[in-house]
PDB file of N, CA and C in Angstrom:
ATOM      1  N   UNK A   1     -10.328   5.115 -17.307  1.00  0.00           N
ATOM      2  CA  UNK A   1      -9.910   4.117 -18.502  1.00  0.00           C
ATOM      3  C   UNK A   1     -10.373   2.821 -17.476  1.00  0.00           C
ATOM      4  N   UNK A   2     -11.032   1.888 -18.077  1.00  0.00           N
ATOM      5  CA  UNK A   2     -11.701   0.587 -17.714  1.00  0.00           C
ATOM      6  C   UNK A   2     -10.551  -0.050 -17.305  1.00  0.00           C
ATOM      7  N   UNK A   3     -10.906  -1.249 -16.447  1.00  0.00           N
ATOM      8  CA  UNK A   3      -9.966  -2.439 -15.996  1.00  0.00           C
ATOM      9  C   UNK A   3      -9.605  -3.035 -17.033  1.00  0.00           C
ATOM     10  N   UNK A   4     -10.347  -3.683 -18.083  1.00  0.00           N
ATOM     11  CA  UNK A   4      -9.958  -4.304 -19.224  1.00  0.00           C
ATOM     12  C   UNK A   4      -8.693  -3.461 -20.094  1.00  0.00           C
ATOM     13  N   UNK A   5      -9.232  -1.952 -20.334  1.00  0.00           N
ATOM     14  CA  UNK A   5      -8.849  -1.647 -20.961  1.00  0.00           C
ATOM     15  C   UNK A   5      -7.387  -0.988 -20.576  1.00  0.00           C
ATOM     16  N   UNK A   6      -7.224  -1.136 -19.275  1.00  0.00           N
ATOM     17  CA  UNK A   6      -5.711  -0.705 -18.932  1.00  0.00           C
ATOM     18  C   UNK A   6      -4.850  -1.994 -18.522  1.00  0.00           C
ATOM     19  N   UNK A   7      -5.444  -3.396 -18.418  1.00  0.00           N
ATOM     20  CA  UNK A   7      -4.815  -4.401 -18.646  1.00  0.00           C
ATOM     21  C   UNK A   7      -4.152  -4.422 -20.110  1.00  0.00           C
ATOM     22  N   UNK A   8      -5.106  -4.378 -21.043  1.00  0.00           N
ATOM     23  CA  UNK A   8      -4.728  -4.146 -22.201  1.00  0.00           C
ATOM     24  C   UNK A   8      -3.729  -3.044 -22.876  1.00  0.00           C
ATOM     25  N   UNK A   9      -3.592  -2.609 -22.557  1.00  0.00           N
ATOM     26  CA  UNK A   9      -2.650  -1.258 -22.415  1.00  0.00           C
ATOM     27  C   UNK A   9      -1.008  -1.767 -22.076  1.00  0.00           C
ATOM     28  N   UNK A  10      -1.167  -2.066 -20.627  1.00  0.00           N
ATOM     29  CA  UNK A  10       0.176  -2.925 -20.081  1.00  0.00           C
ATOM     30  C   UNK A  10       0.308  -3.980 -20.430  1.00  0.00           C
ATOM     31  N   UNK A  11      -0.218  -4.874 -21.029  1.00  0.00           N
ATOM     32  CA  UNK A  11       0.062  -6.222 -21.612  1.00  0.00           C
ATOM     33  C   UNK A  11       0.654  -5.575 -23.111  1.00  0.00           C
ATOM     34  N   UNK A  12       0.210  -5.014 -23.570  1.00  0.00           N
ATOM     35  CA  UNK A  12       1.055  -4.187 -25.285  1.00  0.00           C
ATOM     36  C   UNK A  12       2.575  -3.567 -24.869  1.00  0.00           C
ATOM     37  N   UNK A  13       2.667  -3.022 -23.773  1.00  0.00           N
ATOM     38  CA  UNK A  13       3.386  -2.547 -23.146  1.00  0.00           C
ATOM     39  C   UNK A  13       4.819  -3.794 -22.997  1.00  0.00           C
ATOM     40  N   UNK A  14       4.419  -4.733 -22.631  1.00  0.00           N
ATOM     41  CA  UNK A  14       5.022  -5.709 -21.948  1.00  0.00           C
ATOM     42  C   UNK A  14       5.443  -6.228 -23.287  1.00  0.00           C
ATOM     43  N   UNK A  15       4.443  -6.541 -24.050  1.00  0.00           N
ATOM     44  CA  UNK A  15       4.785  -7.401 -25.568  1.00  0.00           C
ATOM     45  C   UNK A  15       6.092  -7.037 -26.014  1.00  0.00           C
ATOM     46  N   UNK A  16       6.233  -5.306 -25.931  1.00  0.00           N
ATOM     47  CA  UNK A  16       7.786  -4.501 -26.687  1.00  0.00           C
ATOM     48  C   UNK A  16       8.937  -5.324 -25.654  1.00  0.00           C
ATOM     49  N   UNK A  17       8.717  -5.763 -24.455  1.00  0.00           N
ATOM     50  CA  UNK A  17       9.958  -5.890 -23.966  1.00  0.00           C
ATOM     51  C   UNK A  17       9.791  -7.223 -23.590  1.00  0.00           C
ATOM     52  N   UNK A  18       9.090  -8.052 -24.164  1.00  0.00           N
ATOM     53  CA  UNK A  18       8.853  -9.567 -23.662  1.00  0.00           C
ATOM     54  C   UNK A  18       9.976 -10.399 -24.294  1.00  0.00           C
ATOM     55  N   UNK A  19      10.520 -10.241 -25.730  1.00  0.00           N
ATOM     56  CA  UNK A  19      11.165 -10.736 -26.466  1.00  0.00           C
ATOM     57  C   UNK A  19      12.478 -10.562 -26.022  1.00  0.00           C
ATOM     58  N   UNK A  20      12.762  -9.403 -25.480  1.00  0.00           N
ATOM     59  CA  UNK A  20      14.278  -9.308 -24.299  1.00  0.00           C
ATOM     60  C   UNK A  20      14.200 -10.333 -23.395  1.00  0.00           C
ATOM     61  N   UNK A  21      13.236 -10.397 -22.616  1.00  0.00           N
ATOM     62  CA  UNK A  21      13.292 -11.456 -21.579  1.00  0.00           C
ATOM     63  C   UNK A  21      13.400 -12.982 -21.853  1.00  0.00           C
ATOM     64  N   UNK A  22      12.393 -13.001 -23.263  1.00  0.00           N
ATOM     65  CA  UNK A  22      12.608 -14.394 -23.661  1.00  0.00           C
ATOM     66  C   UNK A  22      13.462 -15.083 -24.123  1.00  0.00           C
ATOM     67  N   UNK A  23      14.361 -13.986 -24.710  1.00  0.00           N
ATOM     68  CA  UNK A  23      15.815 -14.068 -24.813  1.00  0.00           C
ATOM     69  C   UNK A  23      16.440 -14.426 -24.370  1.00  0.00           C
ATOM     70  N   UNK A  24      16.398 -14.530 -23.074  1.00  0.00           N
ATOM     71  CA  UNK A  24      16.832 -14.907 -21.598  1.00  0.00           C
ATOM     72  C   UNK A  24      16.786 -15.603 -21.120  1.00  0.00           C
ATOM     73  N   UNK A  25      15.441 -16.677 -21.582  1.00  0.00           N
ATOM     74  CA  UNK A  25      15.273 -17.574 -20.822  1.00  0.00           C
ATOM     75  C   UNK A  25      14.077 -17.135 -19.815  1.00  0.00           C
ATOM     76  N   UNK A  26      13.453 -16.160 -19.804  1.00  0.00           N
ATOM     77  CA  UNK A  26      12.565 -15.877 -18.833  1.00  0.00           C
ATOM     78  C   UNK A  26      11.303 -14.797 -19.473  1.00  0.00           C
ATOM     79  N   UNK A  27      10.334 -14.600 -18.591  1.00  0.00           N
ATOM     80  CA  UNK A  27       8.994 -14.182 -19.379  1.00  0.00           C
ATOM     81  C   UNK A  27       8.677 -12.959 -18.259  1.00  0.00           C
ATOM     82  N   UNK A  28       7.153 -12.617 -18.195  1.00  0.00           N
ATOM     83  CA  UNK A  28       7.230 -11.856 -16.949  1.00  0.00           C
ATOM     84  C   UNK A  28       5.368 -11.768 -17.027  1.00  0.00           C
ATOM     85  N   UNK A  29       4.652 -11.784 -16.227  1.00  0.00           N
ATOM     86  CA  UNK A  29       3.486 -12.105 -16.324  1.00  0.00           C
ATOM     87  C   UNK A  29       2.244 -10.870 -15.785  1.00  0.00           C
ATOM     88  N   UNK A  30       1.195 -10.381 -16.087  1.00  0.00           N
ATOM     89  CA  UNK A  30       1.184  -9.419 -15.083  1.00  0.00           C
ATOM     90  C   UNK A  30      -0.058 -10.403 -13.753  1.00  0.00           C
ATOM     91  N   UNK A  31       0.083 -10.069 -12.602  1.00  0.00           N
ATOM     92  CA  UNK A  31      -0.815 -10.779 -11.824  1.00  0.00           C
ATOM     93  C   UNK A  31      -1.658  -9.546 -11.304  1.00  0.00           C
ATOM     94  N   UNK A  32      -1.698  -8.369 -11.240  1.00  0.00           N
ATOM     95  CA  UNK A  32      -2.516  -7.725 -10.745  1.00  0.00           C
ATOM     96  C   UNK A  32      -2.321  -6.014 -10.901  1.00  0.00           C
ATOM     97  N   UNK A  33      -3.690  -5.278 -11.275  1.00  0.00           N
ATOM     98  CA  UNK A  33      -3.689  -3.851 -11.461  1.00  0.00           C
ATOM     99  C   UNK A  33      -4.110  -3.174  -9.978  1.00  0.00           C
ATOM    100  N   UNK A  34      -3.540  -2.498  -9.278  1.00  0.00           N
ATOM    101  CA  UNK A  34      -4.307  -2.176  -7.987  1.00  0.00           C
ATOM    102  C   UNK A  34      -5.358  -1.421  -8.268  1.00  0.00           C
ATOM    103  N   UNK A  35      -6.448  -0.590  -7.217  1.00  0.00           N
ATOM    104  CA  UNK A  35      -7.110   0.478  -7.325  1.00  0.00           C
ATOM    105  C   UNK A  35      -6.251   1.854  -7.494  1.00  0.00           C
ATOM    106  N   UNK A  36      -4.990   1.939  -6.807  1.00  0.00           N
ATOM    107  CA  UNK A  36      -3.998   2.934  -7.323  1.00  0.00           C
ATOM    108  C   UNK A  36      -3.011   3.003  -8.422  1.00  0.00           C
ATOM    109  N   UNK A  37      -3.029   2.077  -9.172  1.00  0.00           N
ATOM    110  CA  UNK A  37      -2.834   2.171 -10.211  1.00  0.00           C
ATOM    111  C   UNK A  37      -0.960   1.919 -10.085  1.00  0.00           C
ATOM    112  N   UNK A  38      -0.700   0.767  -9.404  1.00  0.00           N
ATOM    113  CA  UNK A  38       0.506  -0.076  -9.427  1.00  0.00           C
ATOM    114  C   UNK A  38       0.179  -1.696 -10.116  1.00  0.00           C
ATOM    115  N   UNK A  39       0.948  -1.815 -10.980  1.00  0.00           N
ATOM    116  CA  UNK A  39       0.709  -2.856 -11.782  1.00  0.00           C
ATOM    117  C   UNK A  39       1.933  -3.843 -11.046  1.00  0.00           C
ATOM    118  N   UNK A  40       1.100  -5.103 -10.700  1.00  0.00           N
ATOM    119  CA  UNK A  40       1.743  -6.359 -10.200  1.00  0.00           C
ATOM    120  C   UNK A  40       2.374  -6.956 -10.787  1.00  0.00           C
ATOM    121  N   UNK A  41       3.591  -7.861 -11.160  1.00  0.00           N
ATOM    122  CA  UNK A  41       3.540  -8.852 -11.844  1.00  0.00           C
ATOM    123  C   UNK A  41       4.619  -9.736 -11.538  1.00  0.00           C
ATOM    124  N   UNK A  42       5.156 -10.559 -12.251  1.00  0.00           N
ATOM    125  CA  UNK A  42       5.514 -11.929 -11.698  1.00  0.00           C
ATOM    126  C   UNK A  42       6.566 -11.941 -12.670  1.00  0.00           C
ATOM    127  N   UNK A  43       8.236 -12.133 -12.463  1.00  0.00           N
ATOM    128  CA  UNK A  43       9.376 -12.378 -13.556  1.00  0.00           C
ATOM    129  C   UNK A  43       9.423 -13.900 -13.266  1.00  0.00           C
ATOM    130  N   UNK A  44       9.296 -14.529 -14.256  1.00  0.00           N
ATOM    131  CA  UNK A  44       9.254 -16.251 -14.723  1.00  0.00           C
ATOM    132  C   UNK A  44      10.520 -16.527 -15.293  1.00  0.00           C
ATOM    133  N   UNK A  45      10.717 -18.046 -15.433  1.00  0.00           N
ATOM    134  CA  UNK A  45      11.909 -18.869 -15.801  1.00  0.00           C
ATOM    135  C   UNK A  45      13.084 -18.339 -15.348  1.00  0.00           C
ATOM    136  N   UNK A  46      14.166 -18.160 -16.121  1.00  0.00           N
ATOM    137  CA  UNK A  46      15.676 -17.636 -15.595  1.00  0.00           C
ATOM    138  C   UNK A  46      15.525 -16.219 -15.067  1.00  0.00           C
ATOM    139  N   UNK A  47      14.064 -15.163 -15.369  1.00  0.00           N
ATOM    140  CA  UNK A  47      14.113 -13.970 -14.996  1.00  0.00           C
ATOM    141  C   UNK A  47      13.914 -14.092 -13.526  1.00  0.00           C
ATOM    142  N   UNK A  48      13.754 -15.090 -12.888  1.00  0.00           N
ATOM    143  CA  UNK A  48      12.739 -15.173 -11.384  1.00  0.00           C
ATOM    144  C   UNK A  48      14.632 -15.341 -10.636  1.00  0.00           C
ATOM    145  N   UNK A  49      14.560 -14.811  -9.485  1.00  0.00           N
ATOM    146  CA  UNK A  49      16.024 -14.592  -9.202  1.00  0.00           C
ATOM    147  C   UNK A  49      17.074 -14.006  -9.511  1.00  0.00           C
ATOM    148  N   UNK A  50      17.062 -13.877 -10.962  1.00  0.00           N
ATOM    149  CA  UNK A  50      18.381 -12.861 -11.619  1.00  0.00           C
ATOM    150  C   UNK A  50      18.705 -11.766 -10.545  1.00  0.00           C
ATOM    151  N   UNK A  51      20.223 -11.927 -10.874  1.00  0.00           N
ATOM    152  CA  UNK A  51      20.940 -10.669  -9.976  1.00  0.00           C
ATOM    153  C   UNK A  51      20.341  -9.830 -10.682  1.00  0.00           C
ATOM    154  N   UNK A  52      20.079  -9.660 -11.962  1.00  0.00           N
ATOM    155  CA  UNK A  52      19.668  -8.193 -12.719  1.00  0.00           C
ATOM    156  C   UNK A  52      18.173  -8.246 -12.561  1.00  0.00           C
ATOM    157  N   UNK A  53      17.300  -8.380 -12.300  1.00  0.00           N
ATOM    158  CA  UNK A  53      16.008  -8.884 -12.238  1.00  0.00           C
ATOM    159  C   UNK A  53      15.648  -7.129 -11.463  1.00  0.00           C
ATOM    160  N   UNK A  54      16.521  -6.391 -10.899  1.00  0.00           N
ATOM    161  CA  UNK A  54      16.041  -5.266 -10.167  1.00  0.00           C
ATOM    162  C   UNK A  54      15.940  -4.198 -11.188  1.00  0.00           C
ATOM    163  N   UNK A  55      17.184  -4.429 -11.881  1.00  0.00           N
ATOM    164  CA  UNK A  55      17.689  -3.496 -13.157  1.00  0.00           C
ATOM    165  C   UNK A  55      16.483  -3.629 -14.127  1.00  0.00           C
ATOM    166  N   UNK A  56      16.231  -4.947 -14.345  1.00  0.00           N
ATOM    167  CA  UNK A  56      15.808  -5.491 -15.580  1.00  0.00           C
ATOM    168  C   UNK A  56      13.879  -4.660 -15.275  1.00  0.00           C
ATOM    169  N   UNK A  57      13.563  -5.027 -13.569  1.00  0.00           N
ATOM    170  CA  UNK A  57      12.205  -4.155 -13.480  1.00  0.00           C
ATOM    171  C   UNK A  57      11.906  -2.437 -13.731  1.00  0.00           C
ATOM    172  N   UNK A  58      13.427  -2.178 -13.192  1.00  0.00           N
ATOM    173  CA  UNK A  58      13.010  -0.365 -12.963  1.00  0.00           C
ATOM    174  C   UNK A  58      13.171   0.340 -14.417  1.00  0.00           C
ATOM    175  N   UNK A  59      14.476  -0.312 -15.065  1.00  0.00           N
ATOM    176  CA  UNK A  59      15.101   0.035 -16.342  1.00  0.00           C
ATOM    177  C   UNK A  59      13.917  -0.227 -17.574  1.00  0.00           C
ATOM    178  N   UNK A  60      13.879  -1.509 -17.653  1.00  0.00           N
ATOM    179  CA  UNK A  60      13.064  -1.746 -18.711  1.00  0.00           C
ATOM    180  C   UNK A  60      11.473  -2.025 -18.360  1.00  0.00           C
ATOM    181  N   UNK A  61      11.192  -2.879 -17.781  1.00  0.00           N
ATOM    182  CA  UNK A  61       9.696  -3.269 -17.502  1.00  0.00           C
ATOM    183  C   UNK A  61       8.748  -1.924 -16.798  1.00  0.00           C
ATOM    184  N   UNK A  62       9.322  -1.254 -15.695  1.00  0.00           N
ATOM    185  CA  UNK A  62       8.510   0.040 -15.118  1.00  0.00           C
ATOM    186  C   UNK A  62       8.837   0.973 -16.429  1.00  0.00           C
ATOM    187  N   UNK A  63       9.754   1.310 -16.802  1.00  0.00           N
ATOM    188  CA  UNK A  63      10.104   2.372 -18.216  1.00  0.00           C
ATOM    189  C   UNK A  63       8.923   2.657 -18.740  1.00  0.00           C
ATOM    190  N   UNK A  64       8.763   1.309 -19.592  1.00  0.00           N
ATOM    191  CA  UNK A  64       8.166   0.702 -20.657  1.00  0.00           C
ATOM    192  C   UNK A  64       6.967   0.805 -20.399  1.00  0.00           C
ATOM    193  N   UNK A  65       6.009   0.114 -19.602  1.00  0.00           N
ATOM    194  CA  UNK A  65       4.855   0.345 -18.855  1.00  0.00           C
ATOM    195  C   UNK A  65       4.171   1.947 -18.052  1.00  0.00           C
ATOM    196  N   UNK A  66       4.867   2.820 -17.727  1.00  0.00           N
ATOM    197  CA  UNK A  66       4.798   4.157 -17.676  1.00  0.00           C
ATOM    198  C   UNK A  66       5.115   4.981 -18.894  1.00  0.00           C
ATOM    199  N   UNK A  67       5.783   4.447 -19.732  1.00  0.00           N
ATOM    200  CA  UNK A  67       5.524   5.568 -21.058  1.00  0.00           C
ATOM    201  C   UNK A  67       4.160   5.088 -21.837  1.00  0.00           C
ATOM    202  N   UNK A  68       3.889   3.995 -21.883  1.00  0.00           N
ATOM    203  CA  UNK A  68       2.575   3.529 -22.809  1.00  0.00           C
ATOM    204  C   UNK A  68       1.602   3.582 -22.045  1.00  0.00           C
ATOM    205  N   UNK A  69       1.363   3.965 -20.372  1.00  0.00           N
ATOM    206  CA  UNK A  69       0.430   3.564 -19.896  1.00  0.00           C
ATOM    207  C   UNK A  69       0.437   4.896 -18.701  1.00  0.00           C
ATOM    208  N   UNK A  70       0.424   6.280 -19.151  1.00  0.00           N
ATOM    209  CA  UNK A  70       0.847   7.382 -18.003  1.00  0.00           C
ATOM    210  C   UNK A  70       0.256   7.300 -16.629  1.00  0.00           C
ATOM    211  N   UNK A  71      -0.999   6.852 -16.215  1.00  0.00           N
ATOM    212  CA  UNK A  71      -1.773   6.119 -15.271  1.00  0.00           C
ATOM    213  C   UNK A  71      -1.396   5.643 -14.431  1.00  0.00           C
ATOM    214  N   UNK A  72      -0.330   4.759 -14.913  1.00  0.00           N
ATOM    215  CA  UNK A  72       0.181   3.493 -13.616  1.00  0.00           C
ATOM    216  C   UNK A  72       1.290   4.262 -13.158  1.00  0.00           C
ATOM    217  N   UNK A  73       1.141   4.098 -11.761  1.00  0.00           N
ATOM    218  CA  UNK A  73       2.125   4.624 -10.894  1.00  0.00           C
ATOM    219  C   UNK A  73       3.409   3.857 -10.683  1.00  0.00           C
ATOM    220  N   UNK A  74       3.446   2.990 -10.677  1.00  0.00           N
ATOM    221  CA  UNK A  74       4.059   1.918 -10.409  1.00  0.00           C
ATOM    222  C   UNK A  74       4.641   0.843 -10.813  1.00  0.00           C
ATOM    223  N   UNK A  75       5.921  -0.162 -11.216  1.00  0.00           N
ATOM    224  CA  UNK A  75       5.570  -1.540 -11.305  1.00  0.00           C
ATOM    225  C   UNK A  75       6.163  -2.252 -10.450  1.00  0.00           C
ATOM    226  N   UNK A  76       5.892  -3.222  -9.791  1.00  0.00           N
ATOM    227  CA  UNK A  76       6.502  -3.649  -8.444  1.00  0.00           C
ATOM    228  C   UNK A  76       5.983  -5.505  -9.200  1.00  0.00           C
ATOM    229  N   UNK A  77       7.329  -6.516  -8.391  1.00  0.00           N
ATOM    230  CA  UNK A  77       7.428  -7.388  -8.880  1.00  0.00           C
ATOM    231  C   UNK A  77       6.893  -8.881  -7.449  1.00  0.00           C
ATOM    232  N   UNK A  78       6.044  -9.333  -7.176  1.00  0.00           N
ATOM    233  CA  UNK A  78       5.555  -9.829  -6.583  1.00  0.00           C
ATOM    234  C   UNK A  78       5.949 -11.474  -6.975  1.00  0.00           C
TER     235      UNK A  78
END
């Protein structure tokens, strides 16, 4: 899969959970997708530094991205 296509699919998967993040005053942005298929994201707004951000990343963001784009190995907050 080409990098632009990969980014597009990751963004599509994030758009499914973005309303939940925005409902709490936060959001998420893709910073990078590494050559070994790790997505680096930044939580912004009220999600930044939130005590629940780890759970949000693992149970929400990573699950959604890996389900939609099986090539992705992990999603990490930066």
